C-alpha atoms as a PDB file:
ATOM      1  CA  UNK A   1     -73.060 -54.396-120.285  1.00  0.00           C
ATOM      2  CA  UNK A   2     -72.077 -53.153-123.414  1.00  0.00           C
ATOM      3  CA  UNK A   3     -68.727 -51.522-124.112  1.00  0.00           C
ATOM      4  CA  UNK A   4     -66.976 -49.841-126.622  1.00  0.00           C
ATOM      5  CA  UNK A   5     -62.895 -51.245-127.966  1.00  0.00           C
ATOM      6  CA  UNK A   6     -61.209 -48.973-130.196  1.00  0.00           C
ATOM      7  CA  UNK A   7     -58.119 -50.066-132.303  1.00  0.00           C
ATOM      8  CA  UNK A   8     -55.791 -48.029-134.237  1.00  0.00           C
ATOM      9  CA  UNK A   9     -52.343 -47.907-136.123  1.00  0.00           C
ATOM     10  CA  UNK A  10     -51.483 -44.501-137.690  1.00  0.00           C
ATOM     11  CA  UNK A  11     -54.089 -42.520-139.142  1.00  0.00           C
ATOM     12  CA  UNK A  12     -56.805 -45.561-139.125  1.00  0.00           C
ATOM     13  CA  UNK A  13     -58.959 -45.802-136.087  1.00  0.00           C
ATOM     14  CA  UNK A  14     -61.942 -48.532-135.623  1.00  0.00           C
ATOM     15  CA  UNK A  15     -64.327 -48.849-132.549  1.00  0.00           C
ATOM     16  CA  UNK A  16     -66.376 -51.714-132.216  1.00  0.00           C
ATOM     17  CA  UNK A  17     -69.381 -52.012-129.685  1.00  0.00           C
ATOM     18  CA  UNK A  18     -69.241 -55.419-127.774  1.00  0.00           C
ATOM     19  CA  UNK A  19     -73.338 -55.434-128.092  1.00  0.00           C
ATOM     20  CA  UNK A  20     -74.169 -57.430-131.807  1.00  0.00           C
ATOM     21  CA  UNK A  21     -70.059 -56.918-132.246  1.00  0.00           C
ATOM     22  CA  UNK A  22     -71.100 -54.076-134.254  1.00  0.00           C
ATOM     23  CA  UNK A  23     -68.441 -51.424-135.925  1.00  0.00           C
ATOM     24  CA  UNK A  24     -69.305 -48.196-134.264  1.00  0.00           C
ATOM     25  CA  UNK A  25     -66.308 -45.819-135.532  1.00  0.00           C
ATOM     26  CA  UNK A  26     -64.112 -46.010-138.873  1.00  0.00           C
ATOM     27  CA  UNK A  27     -62.090 -42.972-139.034  1.00  0.00           C
ATOM     28  CA  UNK A  28     -58.931 -42.177-141.481  1.00  0.00           C
ATOM     29  CA  UNK A  29     -56.971 -38.735-140.152  1.00  0.00           C
ATOM     30  CA  UNK A  30     -60.001 -37.771-137.964  1.00  0.00           C
ATOM     31  CA  UNK A  31     -62.600 -37.965-140.522  1.00  0.00           C
ATOM     32  CA  UNK A  32     -65.760 -40.621-140.136  1.00  0.00           C
ATOM     33  CA  UNK A  33     -66.610 -42.625-142.661  1.00  0.00           C
ATOM     34  CA  UNK A  34     -68.955 -44.603-140.813  1.00  0.00           C
ATOM     35  CA  UNK A  35     -73.030 -44.140-140.778  1.00  0.00           C
ATOM     36  CA  UNK A  36     -73.394 -42.571-137.314  1.00  0.00           C
ATOM     37  CA  UNK A  37     -77.080 -44.529-136.536  1.00  0.00           C
ATOM     38  CA  UNK A  38     -79.203 -41.501-137.014  1.00  0.00           C
ATOM     39  CA  UNK A  39     -82.130 -43.147-135.280  1.00  0.00           C
ATOM     40  CA  UNK A  40     -84.985 -41.038-137.431  1.00  0.00           C
ATOM     41  CA  UNK A  41     -83.208 -42.771-141.037  1.00  0.00           C
ATOM     42  CA  UNK A  42     -81.607 -45.670-139.247  1.00  0.00           C
ATOM     43  CA  UNK A  43     -80.173 -46.158-136.199  1.00  0.00           C
ATOM     44  CA  UNK A  44     -77.617 -48.862-136.944  1.00  0.00           C
ATOM     45  CA  UNK A  45     -73.633 -48.650-138.128  1.00  0.00           C
ATOM     46  CA  UNK A  46     -72.860 -52.307-139.545  1.00  0.00           C
ATOM     47  CA  UNK A  47     -74.811 -54.595-137.860  1.00  0.00           C
ATOM     48  CA  UNK A  48     -73.381 -58.529-138.151  1.00  0.00           C
ATOM     49  CA  UNK A  49     -75.634 -60.780-139.858  1.00  0.00           C
ATOM     50  CA  UNK A  50     -75.769 -64.728-138.588  1.00  0.00           C
ATOM     51  CA  UNK A  51     -77.159 -67.190-138.776  1.00  0.00           C
ATOM     52  CA  UNK A  52     -79.792 -65.398-141.694  1.00  0.00           C
ATOM     53  CA  UNK A  53     -79.060 -63.002-144.108  1.00  0.00           C
ATOM     54  CA  UNK A  54     -82.739 -60.883-144.706  1.00  0.00           C
ATOM     55  CA  UNK A  55     -85.656 -62.413-143.798  1.00  0.00           C
ATOM     56  CA  UNK A  56     -86.992 -65.657-143.889  1.00  0.00           C
ATOM     57  CA  UNK A  57     -90.872 -66.123-144.645  1.00  0.00           C
ATOM     58  CA  UNK A  58     -93.158 -64.450-142.084  1.00  0.00           C
ATOM     59  CA  UNK A  59     -89.994 -64.698-139.600  1.00  0.00           C
ATOM     60  CA  UNK A  60     -90.493 -68.667-139.209  1.00  0.00           C
ATOM     61  CA  UNK A  61     -88.730 -71.717-141.180  1.00  0.00           C
ATOM     62  CA  UNK A  62     -88.337 -75.188-140.593  1.00  0.00           C
ATOM     63  CA  UNK A  63     -85.069 -77.184-139.979  1.00  0.00           C
ATOM     64  CA  UNK A  64     -83.899 -80.493-139.450  1.00  0.00           C
ATOM     65  CA  UNK A  65     -83.847 -79.538-135.851  1.00  0.00           C
ATOM     66  CA  UNK A  66     -86.987 -77.872-135.421  1.00  0.00           C
ATOM     67  CA  UNK A  67     -88.502 -74.586-136.018  1.00  0.00           C
ATOM     68  CA  UNK A  68     -86.496 -71.521-136.248  1.00  0.00           C
ATOM     69  CA  UNK A  69     -88.127 -68.254-135.461  1.00  0.00           C
ATOM     70  CA  UNK A  70     -85.778 -65.262-136.121  1.00  0.00           C
ATOM     71  CA  UNK A  71     -86.737 -61.266-137.432  1.00  0.00           C
ATOM     72  CA  UNK A  72     -84.195 -60.106-140.110  1.00  0.00           C
ATOM     73  CA  UNK A  73     -80.740 -60.793-140.154  1.00  0.00           C
ATOM     74  CA  UNK A  74     -80.964 -62.766-137.385  1.00  0.00           C
ATOM     75  CA  UNK A  75     -79.535 -63.180-133.635  1.00  0.00           C
ATOM     76  CA  UNK A  76     -75.655 -61.527-133.559  1.00  0.00           C
ATOM     77  CA  UNK A  77     -76.763 -57.886-133.911  1.00  0.00           C
ATOM     78  CA  UNK A  78     -79.049 -58.056-131.280  1.00  0.00           C
ATOM     79  CA  UNK A  79     -77.372 -60.172-128.219  1.00  0.00           C
ATOM     80  CA  UNK A  80     -74.295 -58.849-126.519  1.00  0.00           C
ATOM     81  CA  UNK A  81     -70.844 -60.854-127.631  1.00  0.00           C
ATOM     82  CA  UNK A  82     -67.977 -61.231-125.285  1.00  0.00           C
ATOM     83  CA  UNK A  83     -64.862 -59.252-125.457  1.00  0.00           C
ATOM     84  CA  UNK A  84     -62.086 -61.973-126.310  1.00  0.00           C
ATOM     85  CA  UNK A  85     -58.905 -60.673-126.839  1.00  0.00           C
ATOM     86  CA  UNK A  86     -56.985 -57.384-128.199  1.00  0.00           C
ATOM     87  CA  UNK A  87     -53.695 -57.759-129.412  1.00  0.00           C
ATOM     88  CA  UNK A  88     -50.511 -56.860-127.633  1.00  0.00           C
ATOM     89  CA  UNK A  89     -50.161 -53.831-130.198  1.00  0.00           C
ATOM     90  CA  UNK A  90     -53.724 -52.652-130.533  1.00  0.00           C
ATOM     91  CA  UNK A  91     -54.549 -53.068-133.942  1.00  0.00           C
ATOM     92  CA  UNK A  92     -56.819 -56.194-133.448  1.00  0.00           C
ATOM     93  CA  UNK A  93     -60.224 -57.243-131.461  1.00  0.00           C
ATOM     94  CA  UNK A  94     -62.059 -60.562-130.903  1.00  0.00           C
ATOM     95  CA  UNK A  95     -65.158 -61.214-130.116  1.00  0.00           C
ATOM     96  CA  UNK A  96     -67.130 -64.660-128.894  1.00  0.00           C
ATOM     97  CA  UNK A  97     -71.229 -65.040-129.588  1.00  0.00           C
ATOM     98  CA  UNK A  98     -72.014 -68.589-128.551  1.00  0.00           C
ATOM     99  CA  UNK A  99     -75.193 -70.346-128.372  1.00  0.00           C
ATOM    100  CA  UNK A 100     -77.393 -70.588-125.487  1.00  0.00           C
ATOM    101  CA  UNK A 101     -80.809 -71.748-124.215  1.00  0.00           C
ATOM    102  CA  UNK A 102     -82.423 -68.314-125.307  1.00  0.00           C
ATOM    103  CA  UNK A 103     -80.712 -68.778-129.227  1.00  0.00           C
ATOM    104  CA  UNK A 104     -81.588 -72.167-129.145  1.00  0.00           C
ATOM    105  CA  UNK A 105     -85.369 -71.555-128.566  1.00  0.00           C
ATOM    106  CA  UNK A 106     -85.144 -69.064-131.589  1.00  0.00           C
ATOM    107  CA  UNK A 107     -82.411 -70.982-133.573  1.00  0.00           C
ATOM    108  CA  UNK A 108     -82.111 -74.829-132.495  1.00  0.00           C
ATOM    109  CA  UNK A 109     -78.190 -75.214-132.828  1.00  0.00           C
ATOM    110  CA  UNK A 110     -74.997 -75.164-131.465  1.00  0.00           C
ATOM    111  CA  UNK A 111     -72.276 -72.922-132.680  1.00  0.00           C
ATOM    112  CA  UNK A 112     -69.591 -70.472-131.581  1.00  0.00           C
ATOM    113  CA  UNK A 113     -69.463 -66.911-133.819  1.00  0.00           C
ATOM    114  CA  UNK A 114     -65.941 -65.147-133.566  1.00  0.00           C
ATOM    115  CA  UNK A 115     -65.934 -61.456-134.751  1.00  0.00           C
ATOM    116  CA  UNK A 116     -62.570 -59.889-135.379  1.00  0.00           C
ATOM    117  CA  UNK A 117     -61.333 -56.517-136.680  1.00  0.00           C
ATOM    118  CA  UNK A 118     -57.986 -56.207-137.525  1.00  0.00           C
ATOM    119  CA  UNK A 119     -56.073 -53.179-139.234  1.00  0.00           C
ATOM    120  CA  UNK A 120     -54.212 -54.569-141.827  1.00  0.00           C
ATOM    121  CA  UNK A 121     -52.981 -51.682-143.944  1.00  0.00           C
ATOM    122  CA  UNK A 122     -52.624 -47.857-143.436  1.00  0.00           C
ATOM    123  CA  UNK A 123     -56.434 -47.350-144.347  1.00  0.00           C
ATOM    124  CA  UNK A 124     -57.442 -51.089-144.372  1.00  0.00           C
ATOM    125  CA  UNK A 125     -60.157 -53.243-141.783  1.00  0.00           C
ATOM    126  CA  UNK A 126     -60.418 -56.759-142.106  1.00  0.00           C
ATOM    127  CA  UNK A 127     -63.582 -58.487-140.523  1.00  0.00           C
ATOM    128  CA  UNK A 128     -63.657 -61.771-140.137  1.00  0.00           C
ATOM    129  CA  UNK A 129     -66.218 -64.283-139.304  1.00  0.00           C
ATOM    130  CA  UNK A 130     -65.344 -67.546-137.906  1.00  0.00           C
ATOM    131  CA  UNK A 131     -68.275 -69.659-137.303  1.00  0.00           C
ATOM    132  CA  UNK A 132     -67.727 -73.341-135.701  1.00  0.00           C
ATOM    133  CA  UNK A 133     -70.300 -75.934-135.391  1.00  0.00           C
ATOM    134  CA  UNK A 134     -70.052 -76.781-131.697  1.00  0.00           C
ATOM    135  CA  UNK A 135     -72.922 -79.298-131.948  1.00  0.00           C
ATOM    136  CA  UNK A 136     -73.511 -82.887-133.085  1.00  0.00           C
ATOM    137  CA  UNK A 137     -75.420 -82.236-136.111  1.00  0.00           C
ATOM    138  CA  UNK A 138     -74.908 -80.204-139.036  1.00  0.00           C
ATOM    139  CA  UNK A 139     -75.330 -76.415-139.184  1.00  0.00           C
ATOM    140  CA  UNK A 140     -77.218 -74.100-141.739  1.00  0.00           C
ATOM    141  CA  UNK A 141     -76.368 -70.527-141.811  1.00  0.00           C
ATOM    142  CA  UNK A 142     -75.848 -67.600-143.563  1.00  0.00           C
ATOM    143  CA  UNK A 143     -73.122 -64.536-142.711  1.00  0.00           C
ATOM    144  CA  UNK A 144     -73.166 -60.968-144.036  1.00  0.00           C
ATOM    145  CA  UNK A 145     -71.773 -57.620-142.897  1.00  0.00           C
ATOM    146  CA  UNK A 146     -74.170 -54.625-142.829  1.00  0.00           C
ATOM    147  CA  UNK A 147     -71.869 -51.315-143.062  1.00  0.00           C
ATOM    148  CA  UNK A 148     -72.792 -48.114-143.739  1.00  0.00           C
ATOM    149  CA  UNK A 149     -70.972 -45.185-144.911  1.00  0.00           C
ATOM    150  CA  UNK A 150     -71.035 -41.492-145.210  1.00  0.00           C
ATOM    151  CA  UNK A 151     -72.048 -40.035-148.367  1.00  0.00           C
ATOM    152  CA  UNK A 152     -70.599 -37.722-149.102  1.00  0.00           C
ATOM    153  CA  UNK A 153     -67.806 -38.312-147.422  1.00  0.00           C
ATOM    154  CA  UNK A 154     -67.146 -35.944-144.364  1.00  0.00           C
ATOM    155  CA  UNK A 155     -64.977 -32.819-145.565  1.00  0.00           C
ATOM    156  CA  UNK A 156     -65.751 -33.074-149.398  1.00  0.00           C
ATOM    157  CA  UNK A 157     -67.517 -30.332-151.014  1.00  0.00           C
ATOM    158  CA  UNK A 158     -69.640 -33.484-153.528  1.00  0.00           C
ATOM    159  CA  UNK A 159     -73.268 -34.262-153.319  1.00  0.00           C
ATOM    160  CA  UNK A 160     -74.824 -37.583-152.842  1.00  0.00           C
ATOM    161  CA  UNK A 161     -75.421 -37.812-156.659  1.00  0.00           C
ATOM    162  CA  UNK A 162     -71.486 -37.058-157.496  1.00  0.00           C
ATOM    163  CA  UNK A 163     -70.376 -40.632-156.557  1.00  0.00           C
ATOM    164  CA  UNK A 164     -70.263 -43.465-158.593  1.00  0.00           C
ATOM    165  CA  UNK A 165     -69.629 -47.031-157.851  1.00  0.00           C
ATOM    166  CA  UNK A 166     -66.856 -48.812-160.255  1.00  0.00           C
ATOM    167  CA  UNK A 167     -66.372 -52.239-160.684  1.00  0.00           C
ATOM    168  CA  UNK A 168     -63.230 -54.632-161.377  1.00  0.00           C
ATOM    169  CA  UNK A 169     -64.386 -55.025-165.284  1.00  0.00           C
ATOM    170  CA  UNK A 170     -67.560 -54.296-167.645  1.00  0.00           C
ATOM    171  CA  UNK A 171     -70.468 -56.670-166.572  1.00  0.00           C
ATOM    172  CA  UNK A 172     -74.167 -56.649-166.453  1.00  0.00           C
ATOM    173  CA  UNK A 173     -76.441 -56.699-163.311  1.00  0.00           C
ATOM    174  CA  UNK A 174     -80.194 -57.800-163.093  1.00  0.00           C
ATOM    175  CA  UNK A 175     -81.262 -57.841-159.289  1.00  0.00           C
ATOM    176  CA  UNK A 176     -83.988 -59.001-158.063  1.00  0.00           C
ATOM    177  CA  UNK A 177     -86.772 -57.477-156.346  1.00  0.00           C
ATOM    178  CA  UNK A 178     -87.530 -57.089-152.613  1.00  0.00           C
ATOM    179  CA  UNK A 179     -91.664 -57.787-152.112  1.00  0.00           C
ATOM    180  CA  UNK A 180     -93.902 -57.835-149.448  1.00  0.00           C
ATOM    181  CA  UNK A 181     -92.132 -59.235-146.044  1.00  0.00           C
ATOM    182  CA  UNK A 182     -88.671 -58.789-147.316  1.00  0.00           C
ATOM    183  CA  UNK A 183     -88.603 -61.532-149.421  1.00  0.00           C
ATOM    184  CA  UNK A 184     -86.875 -61.363-152.901  1.00  0.00           C
ATOM    185  CA  UNK A 185     -87.809 -62.390-156.571  1.00  0.00           C
ATOM    186  CA  UNK A 186     -85.910 -63.523-159.485  1.00  0.00           C
ATOM    187  CA  UNK A 187     -89.076 -63.914-161.643  1.00  0.00           C
ATOM    188  CA  UNK A 188     -89.194 -59.902-161.697  1.00  0.00           C
ATOM    189  CA  UNK A 189     -85.873 -58.519-162.024  1.00  0.00           C
ATOM    190  CA  UNK A 190     -84.498 -55.190-162.916  1.00  0.00           C
ATOM    191  CA  UNK A 191     -81.121 -53.980-164.557  1.00  0.00           C
ATOM    192  CA  UNK A 192     -78.704 -52.269-162.561  1.00  0.00           C
ATOM    193  CA  UNK A 193     -75.299 -52.657-164.431  1.00  0.00           C
ATOM    194  CA  UNK A 194     -75.483 -52.355-168.304  1.00  0.00           C
ATOM    195  CA  UNK A 195     -72.129 -53.883-169.958  1.00  0.00           C
ATOM    196  CA  UNK A 196     -69.848 -50.971-167.763  1.00  0.00           C
ATOM    197  CA  UNK A 197     -67.607 -50.997-165.301  1.00  0.00           C
ATOM    198  CA  UNK A 198     -69.184 -47.985-163.327  1.00  0.00           C
ATOM    199  CA  UNK A 199     -72.647 -47.148-162.203  1.00  0.00           C
ATOM    200  CA  UNK A 200     -73.756 -43.607-161.244  1.00  0.00           C
ATOM    201  CA  UNK A 201     -75.086 -43.299-157.704  1.00  0.00           C
ATOM    202  CA  UNK A 202     -78.466 -42.429-157.395  1.00  0.00           C
ATOM    203  CA  UNK A 203     -81.989 -42.690-155.111  1.00  0.00           C
ATOM    204  CA  UNK A 204     -83.651 -44.449-158.160  1.00  0.00           C
ATOM    205  CA  UNK A 205     -81.189 -47.363-157.699  1.00  0.00           C
ATOM    206  CA  UNK A 206     -83.160 -48.023-154.170  1.00  0.00           C
ATOM    207  CA  UNK A 207     -86.620 -47.789-155.297  1.00  0.00           C
ATOM    208  CA  UNK A 208     -86.770 -51.580-154.699  1.00  0.00           C
ATOM    209  CA  UNK A 209     -84.785 -51.323-151.337  1.00  0.00           C
ATOM    210  CA  UNK A 210     -81.693 -53.515-151.936  1.00  0.00           C
ATOM    211  CA  UNK A 211     -79.450 -54.059-154.703  1.00  0.00           C
ATOM    212  CA  UNK A 212     -78.868 -57.585-154.702  1.00  0.00           C
ATOM    213  CA  UNK A 213     -75.672 -58.364-156.389  1.00  0.00           C
ATOM    214  CA  UNK A 214     -74.371 -61.619-157.637  1.00  0.00           C
ATOM    215  CA  UNK A 215     -70.865 -62.782-158.228  1.00  0.00           C
ATOM    216  CA  UNK A 216     -69.296 -59.173-158.314  1.00  0.00           C
ATOM    217  CA  UNK A 217     -66.366 -59.518-161.107  1.00  0.00           C
ATOM    218  CA  UNK A 218     -62.910 -59.590-159.053  1.00  0.00           C
ATOM    219  CA  UNK A 219     -65.228 -59.799-155.660  1.00  0.00           C
ATOM    220  CA  UNK A 220     -64.526 -55.979-155.458  1.00  0.00           C
ATOM    221  CA  UNK A 221     -66.646 -52.684-155.384  1.00  0.00           C
ATOM    222  CA  UNK A 222     -65.750 -48.965-154.812  1.00  0.00           C
ATOM    223  CA  UNK A 223     -67.762 -46.010-154.088  1.00  0.00           C
ATOM    224  CA  UNK A 224     -66.260 -43.141-154.896  1.00  0.00           C
ATOM    225  CA  UNK A 225     -66.343 -39.168-155.444  1.00  0.00           C
ATOM    226  CA  UNK A 226     -65.821 -38.611-159.246  1.00  0.00           C
ATOM    227  CA  UNK A 227     -64.153 -35.148-158.147  1.00  0.00           C
ATOM    228  CA  UNK A 228     -62.743 -35.638-154.923  1.00  0.00           C
ATOM    229  CA  UNK A 229     -61.647 -39.579-155.022  1.00  0.00           C
ATOM    230  CA  UNK A 230     -62.429 -40.124-151.909  1.00  0.00           C
ATOM    231  CA  UNK A 231     -64.749 -43.108-151.204  1.00  0.00           C
ATOM    232  CA  UNK A 232     -64.415 -46.623-149.766  1.00  0.00           C
ATOM    233  CA  UNK A 233     -63.526 -50.081-151.400  1.00  0.00           C
ATOM    234  CA  UNK A 234     -64.573 -53.377-150.352  1.00  0.00           C
ATOM    235  CA  UNK A 235     -63.065 -56.853-151.622  1.00  0.00           C
ATOM    236  CA  UNK A 236     -65.205 -59.600-150.534  1.00  0.00           C
ATOM    237  CA  UNK A 237     -63.807 -62.724-151.776  1.00  0.00           C
ATOM    238  CA  UNK A 238     -65.747 -65.800-150.092  1.00  0.00           C
ATOM    239  CA  UNK A 239     -68.905 -63.715-150.071  1.00  0.00           C
ATOM    240  CA  UNK A 240     -71.182 -64.406-153.247  1.00  0.00           C
ATOM    241  CA  UNK A 241     -73.350 -61.624-153.189  1.00  0.00           C
ATOM    242  CA  UNK A 242     -73.489 -57.854-152.382  1.00  0.00           C
ATOM    243  CA  UNK A 243     -76.339 -56.052-150.906  1.00  0.00           C
ATOM    244  CA  UNK A 244     -76.236 -52.309-151.482  1.00  0.00           C
ATOM    245  CA  UNK A 245     -78.843 -50.333-149.750  1.00  0.00           C
ATOM    246  CA  UNK A 246     -79.620 -46.592-148.478  1.00  0.00           C
ATOM    247  CA  UNK A 247     -82.810 -45.392-146.752  1.00  0.00           C
ATOM    248  CA  UNK A 248     -84.819 -42.904-148.875  1.00  0.00           C
ATOM    249  CA  UNK A 249     -83.112 -39.419-148.336  1.00  0.00           C
ATOM    250  CA  UNK A 250     -80.643 -40.809-145.698  1.00  0.00           C
ATOM    251  CA  UNK A 251     -76.599 -39.341-146.558  1.00  0.00           C
ATOM    252  CA  UNK A 252     -75.230 -42.965-146.635  1.00  0.00           C
ATOM    253  CA  UNK A 253     -74.673 -46.391-148.577  1.00  0.00           C
ATOM    254  CA  UNK A 254     -74.349 -49.993-147.119  1.00  0.00           C
ATOM    255  CA  UNK A 255     -72.272 -51.989-149.245  1.00  0.00           C
ATOM    256  CA  UNK A 256     -72.957 -55.645-147.413  1.00  0.00           C
ATOM    257  CA  UNK A 257     -71.170 -58.443-148.350  1.00  0.00           C
ATOM    258  CA  UNK A 258     -73.019 -61.581-147.862  1.00  0.00           C
ATOM    259  CA  UNK A 259     -72.710 -65.402-148.398  1.00  0.00           C
ATOM    260  CA  UNK A 260     -76.697 -65.928-148.385  1.00  0.00           C
ATOM    261  CA  UNK A 261     -79.694 -63.552-148.763  1.00  0.00           C
ATOM    262  CA  UNK A 262     -83.144 -63.193-148.323  1.00  0.00           C
ATOM    263  CA  UNK A 263     -85.882 -66.058-148.494  1.00  0.00           C
ATOM    264  CA  UNK A 264     -86.548 -65.945-152.508  1.00  0.00           C
ATOM    265  CA  UNK A 265     -90.616 -66.239-153.094  1.00  0.00           C
ATOM    266  CA  UNK A 266     -89.642 -69.183-155.051  1.00  0.00           C
ATOM    267  CA  UNK A 267     -88.455 -71.230-151.964  1.00  0.00           C
ATOM    268  CA  UNK A 268     -89.868 -73.133-149.393  1.00  0.00           C
ATOM    269  CA  UNK A 269     -89.641 -72.489-146.069  1.00  0.00           C
ATOM    270  CA  UNK A 270     -86.864 -75.198-144.899  1.00  0.00           C
ATOM    271  CA  UNK A 271     -83.334 -73.008-143.703  1.00  0.00           C
ATOM    272  CA  UNK A 272     -81.491 -75.974-145.461  1.00  0.00           C
ATOM    273  CA  UNK A 273     -83.258 -75.590-148.671  1.00  0.00           C
ATOM    274  CA  UNK A 274     -82.218 -71.882-149.048  1.00  0.00           C
ATOM    275  CA  UNK A 275     -80.289 -70.838-152.078  1.00  0.00           C
ATOM    276  CA  UNK A 276     -76.392 -70.821-151.041  1.00  0.00           C
ATOM    277  CA  UNK A 277     -77.066 -72.015-147.660  1.00  0.00           C
ATOM    278  CA  UNK A 278     -73.549 -73.370-145.559  1.00  0.00           C
ATOM    279  CA  UNK A 279     -74.055 -76.171-144.316  1.00  0.00           C
ATOM    280  CA  UNK A 280     -71.422 -77.031-141.529  1.00  0.00           C
ATOM    281  CA  UNK A 281     -70.800 -80.309-140.248  1.00  0.00           C
ATOM    282  CA  UNK A 282     -70.281 -81.158-136.357  1.00  0.00           C
ATOM    283  CA  UNK A 283     -66.753 -79.701-135.137  1.00  0.00           C
ATOM    284  CA  UNK A 284     -66.080 -78.178-138.663  1.00  0.00           C
ATOM    285  CA  UNK A 285     -65.320 -74.102-138.897  1.00  0.00           C
ATOM    286  CA  UNK A 286     -65.971 -71.998-141.795  1.00  0.00           C
ATOM    287  CA  UNK A 287     -63.826 -68.566-141.907  1.00  0.00           C
ATOM    288  CA  UNK A 288     -64.626 -65.534-144.129  1.00  0.00           C
ATOM    289  CA  UNK A 289     -62.914 -62.093-144.112  1.00  0.00           C
ATOM    290  CA  UNK A 290     -63.959 -59.028-146.107  1.00  0.00           C
ATOM    291  CA  UNK A 291     -61.740 -55.725-146.094  1.00  0.00           C
ATOM    292  CA  UNK A 292     -62.729 -52.049-145.997  1.00  0.00           C
ATOM    293  CA  UNK A 293     -60.163 -49.636-147.666  1.00  0.00           C
ATOM    294  CA  UNK A 294     -60.854 -45.670-146.955  1.00  0.00           C
ATOM    295  CA  UNK A 295     -59.861 -43.812-150.034  1.00  0.00           C
END
């Protein structure tokens, strides 16, 4: 049975569900910043993505250990995670998801995934992915976060279009388009950022579903109301990609640090061949952390 655990410090609190180890709430001074999973628009808050990010072609891929059959974003988000520990001061919680006969039927590898959420500042939450290869063969995988945030921020008088993305420096970004089956193509890109350190938020940005930003300057991105100054900053060193997504007409934007991404139309269907896939040797550990700061 799924349980909710809440951590907090000062004015910041976070609640996490053992189903999927998914962040359910992120509040500062009583204001809810996290999208509250309206099923009419999108019934999730912040899924954990593992062992794939995005889609594999027709939900199937080959691998060195046999066929893999997984829906978009993999297995972690749809399975129960064991609550391992809560820190004595109530500022950190860790969950564990390990391979089972059921997971091996879909993804024929042994692994242990620990998800840790820690309050690390007055307005900052850290989300850590720790993947351990508990098997005897190399482990191919990607990880990613998928937190969606209320835009506009609760309690402000701004509209969706009053927000803008702010980057660490001016740059230019050409994003691959998502096509049928959730695959991506760099053969036909669309420009989002053009020599600037800001990008106004608009529905038009999501005409191809998701912006896949590659090597964002400084591994940081803010989404801020131009008048209120309220919003979110995500810092994601160690994650080469940032997915940015919103559902049609929905009052949220997802800021998604990824180590890999959906299969490209130009790639074959071997998991180990996917662009930027992590290959972890037996007994080795891979750990990545991104932070969410509420502004």
